Amino acid sequence: MKVRILKLLAATTALAFTLAACSSNEAPAENHPEPESAKLFNATTHTELPQPYVLPTGVTTRVDVHYYGADGADITSELIADHYSSLTFTPTSFATVASVTGARFVHDVTVDAAAGGTSELQIGWGHDTLADERSFGPYPVSAGP
């Protein structure tokens, strides 16, 4: 009987030490859907930009990247706190991209190409500012008047 009580006491003590070792400030494991596609929105009007994308030359357009899950649902709000987006134009001389401070999925895009110029756009997603874990596209882009 004493052996059984000692084993129970040892198990209870081990459990208590294990629970004490876990702090309440440990970050929970990430539990979010993975994006399967991306779209650009005009951040000023909150309207989706039609594809193929046409951006005005010589003008800065503020764009907002939205990400979608496998079921087509917009999952942007589930990702924005811990993730970043990027926009990459090829050729790079087509446009200048500037991130907007405090807005991880918003970018200012200034088309440097003459009207009628074309490019391909890659939209990136990731856990750091490089946003290079996932890439969507290429999407055709034209410089408009």
C-alpha atoms as a PDB file:
ATOM      1  CA  MET A   1       0.000   0.000   0.000  1.00  0.00           C
ATOM      2  CA  LYS A   2       2.852   2.390   0.886  1.00  0.00           C
ATOM      3  CA  VAL A   3       4.445   1.739  -2.520  1.00  0.00           C
ATOM      4  CA  ARG A   4       1.204   2.609  -4.285  1.00  0.00           C
ATOM      5  CA  ILE A   5       0.834   5.837  -2.308  1.00  0.00           C
ATOM      6  CA  LEU A   6       4.460   6.791  -3.042  1.00  0.00           C
ATOM      7  CA  LYS A   7       3.954   6.163  -6.793  1.00  0.00           C
ATOM      8  CA  LEU A   8       0.784   8.259  -6.776  1.00  0.00           C
ATOM      9  CA  LEU A   9       2.564  11.038  -4.872  1.00  0.00           C
ATOM     10  CA  ALA A  10       5.497  10.949  -7.338  1.00  0.00           C
ATOM     11  CA  ALA A  11       3.155  11.116 -10.330  1.00  0.00           C
ATOM     12  CA  THR A  12       1.213  14.019  -8.798  1.00  0.00           C
ATOM     13  CA  THR A  13       4.438  15.909  -8.022  1.00  0.00           C
ATOM     14  CA  ALA A  14       5.732  15.382 -11.592  1.00  0.00           C
ATOM     15  CA  LEU A  15       2.459  16.688 -13.001  1.00  0.00           C
ATOM     16  CA  ALA A  16       2.631  19.756 -10.737  1.00  0.00           C
ATOM     17  CA  PHE A  17       6.181  20.555 -11.896  1.00  0.00           C
ATOM     18  CA  THR A  18       5.166  20.124 -15.538  1.00  0.00           C
ATOM     19  CA  LEU A  19       2.224  22.490 -15.168  1.00  0.00           C
ATOM     20  CA  ALA A  20       4.347  25.042 -13.317  1.00  0.00           C
ATOM     21  CA  ALA A  21       6.906  25.025 -16.133  1.00  0.00           C
ATOM     22  CA  CYS A  22       4.333  26.242 -18.672  1.00  0.00           C
ATOM     23  CA  SER A  23       4.000  29.994 -18.536  1.00  0.00           C
ATOM     24  CA  SER A  24       0.874  31.849 -19.518  1.00  0.00           C
ATOM     25  CA  ASN A  25       2.788  34.072 -21.931  1.00  0.00           C
ATOM     26  CA  GLU A  26       3.867  31.295 -24.304  1.00  0.00           C
ATOM     27  CA  ALA A  27       2.739  31.973 -27.848  1.00  0.00           C
ATOM     28  CA  PRO A  28       0.045  29.594 -29.042  1.00  0.00           C
ATOM     29  CA  ALA A  29       0.701  27.536 -32.125  1.00  0.00           C
ATOM     30  CA  GLU A  30      -0.490  29.233 -35.287  1.00  0.00           C
ATOM     31  CA  ASN A  31      -3.854  28.025 -36.420  1.00  0.00           C
ATOM     32  CA  HIS A  32      -4.828  29.763 -39.618  1.00  0.00           C
ATOM     33  CA  PRO A  33      -5.778  28.688 -43.108  1.00  0.00           C
ATOM     34  CA  GLU A  34      -3.188  28.781 -45.871  1.00  0.00           C
ATOM     35  CA  PRO A  35      -3.922  31.168 -48.749  1.00  0.00           C
ATOM     36  CA  GLU A  36      -4.611  29.561 -52.115  1.00  0.00           C
ATOM     37  CA  SER A  37      -5.039  32.731 -54.179  1.00  0.00           C
ATOM     38  CA  ALA A  38      -4.677  36.508 -53.976  1.00  0.00           C
ATOM     39  CA  LYS A  39      -6.372  39.566 -55.479  1.00  0.00           C
ATOM     40  CA  LEU A  40      -5.690  43.283 -55.511  1.00  0.00           C
ATOM     41  CA  PHE A  41      -8.154  45.886 -54.284  1.00  0.00           C
ATOM     42  CA  ASN A  42      -8.073  49.665 -54.577  1.00  0.00           C
ATOM     43  CA  ALA A  43      -7.364  50.568 -50.937  1.00  0.00           C
ATOM     44  CA  THR A  44      -9.089  53.951 -51.295  1.00  0.00           C
ATOM     45  CA  THR A  45     -12.398  52.720 -52.730  1.00  0.00           C
ATOM     46  CA  HIS A  46     -12.227  49.155 -51.294  1.00  0.00           C
ATOM     47  CA  THR A  47     -13.158  47.725 -54.685  1.00  0.00           C
ATOM     48  CA  GLU A  48     -11.530  44.765 -56.381  1.00  0.00           C
ATOM     49  CA  LEU A  49      -9.302  45.681 -59.303  1.00  0.00           C
ATOM     50  CA  PRO A  50     -10.446  43.859 -62.442  1.00  0.00           C
ATOM     51  CA  GLN A  51      -8.034  41.465 -64.128  1.00  0.00           C
ATOM     52  CA  PRO A  52      -5.979  41.815 -66.167  1.00  0.00           C
ATOM     53  CA  TYR A  53      -4.773  44.639 -63.973  1.00  0.00           C
ATOM     54  CA  VAL A  54      -4.469  48.125 -65.485  1.00  0.00           C
ATOM     55  CA  LEU A  55      -2.737  50.745 -63.364  1.00  0.00           C
ATOM     56  CA  PRO A  56      -2.403  54.394 -64.427  1.00  0.00           C
ATOM     57  CA  THR A  57       1.068  55.503 -65.476  1.00  0.00           C
ATOM     58  CA  GLY A  58       2.761  58.195 -63.414  1.00  0.00           C
ATOM     59  CA  VAL A  59       0.172  57.936 -60.634  1.00  0.00           C
ATOM     60  CA  THR A  60       0.501  56.284 -57.238  1.00  0.00           C
ATOM     61  CA  THR A  61      -2.249  53.755 -56.606  1.00  0.00           C
ATOM     62  CA  ARG A  62      -2.689  52.401 -53.092  1.00  0.00           C
ATOM     63  CA  VAL A  63      -3.509  48.705 -53.360  1.00  0.00           C
ATOM     64  CA  ASP A  64      -4.676  46.271 -50.701  1.00  0.00           C
ATOM     65  CA  VAL A  65      -3.862  42.568 -51.068  1.00  0.00           C
ATOM     66  CA  HIS A  66      -6.594  40.085 -50.147  1.00  0.00           C
ATOM     67  CA  TYR A  67      -5.924  36.371 -49.699  1.00  0.00           C
ATOM     68  CA  TYR A  68      -8.399  33.553 -50.252  1.00  0.00           C
ATOM     69  CA  GLY A  69      -8.611  30.006 -48.907  1.00  0.00           C
ATOM     70  CA  ALA A  70      -9.183  26.813 -50.879  1.00  0.00           C
ATOM     71  CA  ASP A  71     -12.951  27.301 -50.574  1.00  0.00           C
ATOM     72  CA  GLY A  72     -12.741  30.804 -52.099  1.00  0.00           C
ATOM     73  CA  ALA A  73     -13.458  32.594 -48.815  1.00  0.00           C
ATOM     74  CA  ASP A  74     -11.568  35.817 -48.046  1.00  0.00           C
ATOM     75  CA  ILE A  75      -9.176  34.916 -45.190  1.00  0.00           C
ATOM     76  CA  THR A  76      -7.285  38.222 -45.095  1.00  0.00           C
ATOM     77  CA  SER A  77      -8.475  39.176 -41.607  1.00  0.00           C
ATOM     78  CA  GLU A  78      -7.230  35.834 -40.232  1.00  0.00           C
ATOM     79  CA  LEU A  79      -3.729  36.393 -41.640  1.00  0.00           C
ATOM     80  CA  ILE A  80      -3.010  40.086 -41.285  1.00  0.00           C
ATOM     81  CA  ALA A  81      -1.745  40.110 -37.681  1.00  0.00           C
ATOM     82  CA  ASP A  82       1.133  37.667 -38.274  1.00  0.00           C
ATOM     83  CA  HIS A  83       1.914  37.838 -41.999  1.00  0.00           C
ATOM     84  CA  TYR A  84       3.184  40.146 -44.718  1.00  0.00           C
ATOM     85  CA  SER A  85       2.579  40.663 -48.419  1.00  0.00           C
ATOM     86  CA  SER A  86       4.822  41.747 -51.274  1.00  0.00           C
ATOM     87  CA  LEU A  87       4.372  42.871 -54.868  1.00  0.00           C
ATOM     88  CA  THR A  88       7.037  42.171 -57.485  1.00  0.00           C
ATOM     89  CA  PHE A  89       6.807  43.466 -61.045  1.00  0.00           C
ATOM     90  CA  THR A  90       8.799  41.982 -63.935  1.00  0.00           C
ATOM     91  CA  PRO A  91      10.465  43.911 -65.387  1.00  0.00           C
ATOM     92  CA  THR A  92      11.218  45.784 -62.166  1.00  0.00           C
ATOM     93  CA  SER A  93      11.417  49.057 -64.103  1.00  0.00           C
ATOM     94  CA  PHE A  94       7.649  48.865 -64.749  1.00  0.00           C
ATOM     95  CA  ALA A  95       6.638  50.176 -61.312  1.00  0.00           C
ATOM     96  CA  THR A  96       7.903  51.298 -57.932  1.00  0.00           C
ATOM     97  CA  VAL A  97       6.369  49.599 -54.898  1.00  0.00           C
ATOM     98  CA  ALA A  98       6.417  51.085 -51.398  1.00  0.00           C
ATOM     99  CA  SER A  99       5.010  49.375 -48.326  1.00  0.00           C
ATOM    100  CA  VAL A 100       2.615  51.413 -46.208  1.00  0.00           C
ATOM    101  CA  THR A 101       3.768  51.726 -42.604  1.00  0.00           C
ATOM    102  CA  GLY A 102       1.532  49.810 -40.207  1.00  0.00           C
ATOM    103  CA  ALA A 103      -0.430  48.108 -42.991  1.00  0.00           C
ATOM    104  CA  ARG A 104       1.150  44.773 -43.880  1.00  0.00           C
ATOM    105  CA  PHE A 105      -1.061  44.067 -46.909  1.00  0.00           C
ATOM    106  CA  VAL A 106      -1.183  47.608 -48.349  1.00  0.00           C
ATOM    107  CA  HIS A 107       1.287  48.988 -50.900  1.00  0.00           C
ATOM    108  CA  ASP A 108       1.693  52.192 -52.881  1.00  0.00           C
ATOM    109  CA  VAL A 109       2.342  51.343 -56.538  1.00  0.00           C
ATOM    110  CA  THR A 110       3.620  53.987 -58.944  1.00  0.00           C
ATOM    111  CA  VAL A 111       3.741  52.875 -62.574  1.00  0.00           C
ATOM    112  CA  ASP A 112       6.918  54.200 -64.188  1.00  0.00           C
ATOM    113  CA  ALA A 113       6.271  52.668 -67.630  1.00  0.00           C
ATOM    114  CA  ALA A 114       4.682  54.611 -70.463  1.00  0.00           C
ATOM    115  CA  ALA A 115       0.992  54.009 -71.211  1.00  0.00           C
ATOM    116  CA  GLY A 116       0.644  50.698 -73.021  1.00  0.00           C
ATOM    117  CA  GLY A 117       3.646  49.156 -71.264  1.00  0.00           C
ATOM    118  CA  THR A 118       3.171  45.683 -69.810  1.00  0.00           C
ATOM    119  CA  SER A 119       4.477  43.677 -66.899  1.00  0.00           C
ATOM    120  CA  GLU A 120       3.881  40.552 -64.869  1.00  0.00           C
ATOM    121  CA  LEU A 121       3.031  40.779 -61.181  1.00  0.00           C
ATOM    122  CA  GLN A 122       3.832  38.251 -58.461  1.00  0.00           C
ATOM    123  CA  ILE A 123       2.021  38.621 -55.135  1.00  0.00           C
ATOM    124  CA  GLY A 124       3.972  37.244 -52.184  1.00  0.00           C
ATOM    125  CA  TRP A 125       2.892  36.076 -48.726  1.00  0.00           C
ATOM    126  CA  GLY A 126       4.897  35.084 -45.674  1.00  0.00           C
ATOM    127  CA  HIS A 127       5.721  35.415 -41.990  1.00  0.00           C
ATOM    128  CA  ASP A 128       8.375  38.112 -42.422  1.00  0.00           C
ATOM    129  CA  THR A 129       8.771  41.304 -44.433  1.00  0.00           C
ATOM    130  CA  LEU A 130      10.212  39.401 -47.415  1.00  0.00           C
ATOM    131  CA  ALA A 131       6.822  37.671 -47.815  1.00  0.00           C
ATOM    132  CA  ASP A 132       8.491  34.941 -49.828  1.00  0.00           C
ATOM    133  CA  GLU A 133       6.896  31.773 -48.448  1.00  0.00           C
ATOM    134  CA  ARG A 134       4.142  31.670 -51.044  1.00  0.00           C
ATOM    135  CA  SER A 135       3.808  33.349 -54.418  1.00  0.00           C
ATOM    136  CA  PHE A 136       0.701  33.970 -56.526  1.00  0.00           C
ATOM    137  CA  GLY A 137       0.717  34.848 -60.201  1.00  0.00           C
ATOM    138  CA  PRO A 138       2.104  35.911 -62.505  1.00  0.00           C
ATOM    139  CA  TYR A 139      -0.726  38.295 -63.265  1.00  0.00           C
ATOM    140  CA  PRO A 140      -0.593  40.465 -66.401  1.00  0.00           C
ATOM    141  CA  VAL A 141      -0.475  44.207 -65.736  1.00  0.00           C
ATOM    142  CA  SER A 142      -0.690  47.090 -68.193  1.00  0.00           C
ATOM    143  CA  ALA A 143       0.145  50.759 -67.790  1.00  0.00           C
ATOM    144  CA  GLY A 144      -2.970  52.779 -68.498  1.00  0.00           C
ATOM    145  CA  PRO A 145      -3.437  56.391 -69.490  1.00  0.00           C
END
